Protein backbone atom coordinates (compact mmCIF):
# COMPACT_ATOMS: atom_id res chain seq x y z
CA MET A 1 -4.16 -3.66 14.09
CA SER A 2 -0.47 -4.42 13.30
CA LEU A 3 0.57 -4.79 9.69
CA GLU A 4 1.22 -8.41 10.67
CA LYS A 5 -2.72 -8.97 10.03
CA VAL A 6 -3.00 -7.01 6.81
CA ILE A 7 -2.11 -8.73 3.58
CA SER A 8 -1.89 -8.26 -0.17
CA ILE A 9 -2.96 -11.13 -2.38
CA ALA A 10 -1.38 -11.46 -5.90
CA GLY A 11 -3.97 -11.09 -8.62
CA LYS A 12 -6.60 -9.43 -6.25
CA PRO A 13 -7.04 -5.60 -5.74
CA GLY A 14 -6.61 -3.86 -2.53
CA LEU A 15 -5.64 -5.20 0.85
CA TYR A 16 -7.02 -7.78 3.16
CA LYS A 17 -7.01 -8.40 6.95
CA LEU A 18 -6.74 -12.03 8.37
CA VAL A 19 -9.91 -13.23 9.99
CA THR A 20 -9.19 -16.80 10.91
CA GLN A 21 -6.93 -19.77 9.91
CA THR A 22 -8.59 -22.73 8.19
CA ARG A 23 -7.25 -26.23 7.58
CA GLY A 24 -5.93 -25.33 3.96
CA GLY A 25 -5.27 -21.69 4.45
CA PHE A 26 -7.29 -18.87 5.94
CA VAL A 27 -10.10 -16.32 5.68
CA ALA A 28 -9.35 -12.80 4.79
CA GLU A 29 -11.77 -9.82 4.68
CA SER A 30 -11.23 -7.16 1.94
CA LEU A 31 -10.61 -3.44 3.07
CA ILE A 32 -12.43 -2.38 -0.14
CA ASP A 33 -15.77 -3.99 0.05
CA SER A 34 -15.71 -6.15 3.31
CA LYS A 35 -16.28 -9.36 1.41
CA ARG A 36 -14.61 -12.36 2.93
CA ILE A 37 -12.75 -14.86 0.85
CA SER A 38 -11.00 -18.16 1.44
CA VAL A 39 -7.30 -18.10 0.59
CA SER A 40 -5.37 -21.37 0.17
CA ALA A 41 -1.83 -21.97 0.72
CA GLN A 42 -1.23 -21.95 -3.06
CA ASN A 43 -2.03 -18.18 -3.36
CA ASN A 44 1.01 -15.82 -3.37
CA VAL A 45 0.32 -13.66 -0.24
CA SER A 46 2.45 -10.74 1.09
CA VAL A 47 2.20 -9.78 4.74
CA LEU A 48 2.66 -5.94 4.91
CA SER A 49 4.84 -6.13 7.90
CA GLU A 50 7.35 -8.25 5.83
CA ILE A 51 7.56 -5.83 2.85
CA ALA A 52 10.42 -3.31 2.49
CA ILE A 53 11.37 -0.58 0.05
CA TYR A 54 14.92 -0.61 -1.52
CA THR A 55 16.98 2.60 -0.83
CA LEU A 56 20.66 3.24 -1.99
CA ASN A 57 21.87 2.03 1.57
CA GLU A 58 19.55 -0.32 2.90
CA GLU A 59 15.82 -1.61 2.87
CA VAL A 60 13.27 0.45 4.66
CA PRO A 61 10.31 -1.31 6.14
CA LEU A 62 6.98 -0.27 4.54
CA LYS A 63 5.75 0.69 8.22
CA GLN A 64 8.40 3.46 8.15
CA VAL A 65 7.47 4.58 4.62
CA LEU A 66 3.71 4.49 5.51
CA GLU A 67 4.62 6.69 8.70
CA ASN A 68 6.58 9.08 6.57
CA ILE A 69 3.55 9.51 4.27
CA LYS A 70 1.35 10.14 7.23
CA LYS A 71 3.66 12.74 8.67
CA LYS A 72 3.64 14.37 5.34
CA GLU A 73 -0.03 14.40 4.91
CA ASN A 74 -0.78 15.07 8.70
CA GLY A 75 -2.94 12.03 8.53
CA ALA A 76 -4.98 13.00 5.50
CA PRO A 77 -5.14 10.84 2.29
CA ALA A 78 -2.09 11.07 -0.17
CA SER A 79 -1.89 14.45 -2.07
CA VAL A 80 -1.00 12.38 -5.23
CA LYS A 81 -3.20 9.90 -6.88
CA PRO A 82 -2.14 6.34 -7.99
CA LYS A 83 -2.95 7.44 -11.52
CA ASP A 84 -0.76 10.48 -11.67
CA SER A 85 2.12 10.55 -14.03
CA LYS A 86 5.32 8.57 -13.43
CA ASP A 87 7.28 11.86 -12.80
CA LYS A 88 4.76 13.18 -10.34
CA LEU A 89 4.81 9.95 -8.44
CA GLU A 90 8.67 9.80 -8.29
CA GLU A 91 8.80 13.38 -7.08
CA TYR A 92 6.46 12.64 -4.44
CA PHE A 93 8.16 9.60 -3.33
CA PHE A 94 11.51 11.30 -3.27
CA GLY A 95 9.76 13.66 -0.70
CA ILE A 96 8.87 10.66 1.39
CA LEU A 97 11.98 8.62 1.01
CA PRO A 98 14.84 10.72 -0.52
CA GLU A 99 17.09 7.74 -0.62
CA TYR A 100 15.03 5.37 -2.51
CA ASP A 101 16.60 3.36 -5.32
CA GLU A 102 15.06 4.50 -8.65
CA ASP A 103 16.44 1.47 -10.15
CA ARG A 104 14.60 -1.16 -8.23
CA VAL A 105 11.60 0.71 -7.04
CA TYR A 106 9.26 1.20 -10.01
CA ALA A 107 6.37 3.50 -10.59
CA SER A 108 4.07 0.60 -10.10
CA ASP A 109 5.49 0.10 -6.70
CA ILE A 110 4.87 3.69 -5.77
CA LYS A 111 1.45 3.52 -7.09
CA LYS A 112 0.82 0.33 -4.87
CA VAL A 113 2.19 1.98 -1.80
CA ILE A 114 0.00 5.04 -2.35
CA GLN A 115 -2.98 2.98 -2.79
CA TRP A 116 -2.33 0.94 0.27
CA TYR A 117 -1.74 4.09 2.35
CA ASN A 118 -4.99 5.48 1.25
CA LEU A 119 -6.79 2.35 2.07
CA LEU A 120 -5.30 2.01 5.47
CA GLN A 121 -5.92 5.62 6.08
CA GLN A 122 -9.58 5.37 5.07
CA HIS A 123 -10.11 2.51 7.69
CA ASN A 124 -8.25 4.45 10.33
CA MET A 125 -5.49 1.72 10.67
CA LEU A 126 -2.46 4.13 10.35
CA ASP A 127 -2.72 5.25 14.04
CA ASN A 128 -1.92 1.79 15.29
CA LEU A 129 0.77 0.66 12.91
CA VAL A 130 2.52 -0.91 15.97
CA ASP A 131 4.39 -4.18 15.56
CA ASP A 132 3.38 -6.84 18.13
CA GLU A 133 6.90 -6.97 19.40
CA ASP A 134 6.94 -3.08 19.87
CA ALA A 135 3.95 -3.34 21.86
CA ALA A 136 5.38 -5.96 23.97
CA LYS A 137 8.50 -4.30 24.76
CA PRO A 138 8.52 -2.82 28.39
CA SER A 139 9.25 1.01 28.57
CA ASN A 140 12.24 2.08 30.48
CA GLU A 141 10.46 5.04 32.14
CA GLU A 142 10.17 5.09 35.77
């Protein structure tokens, strides 16, 4: 499943995967407890494929950050916990993304990324972090 089908809903914990579209919004299923909820167009929703992390030079897509964590952890859950100290979280994130902008990326953002990584890892959704457009590109190998 690509990150284009995984969303974060403001005011609701965890991540959700899109199930189907309705007239006034869509139905999403929680990755935490598998409960389905109806989400209206008024809800503040973020699609994970559209999220990026600020660095000193550019914005790095969340997909790349998650891949960096996966490489560092060899596919296992994150070695830091979202409730660890701010200093520990920042030190860990510097190991993942050395150029991240400390002034614009807060400890709460780092906590959220680690929580999301752990949720996606728990549901075996990190192996296929392929965007639909990447999958559609023909390979140049012959």
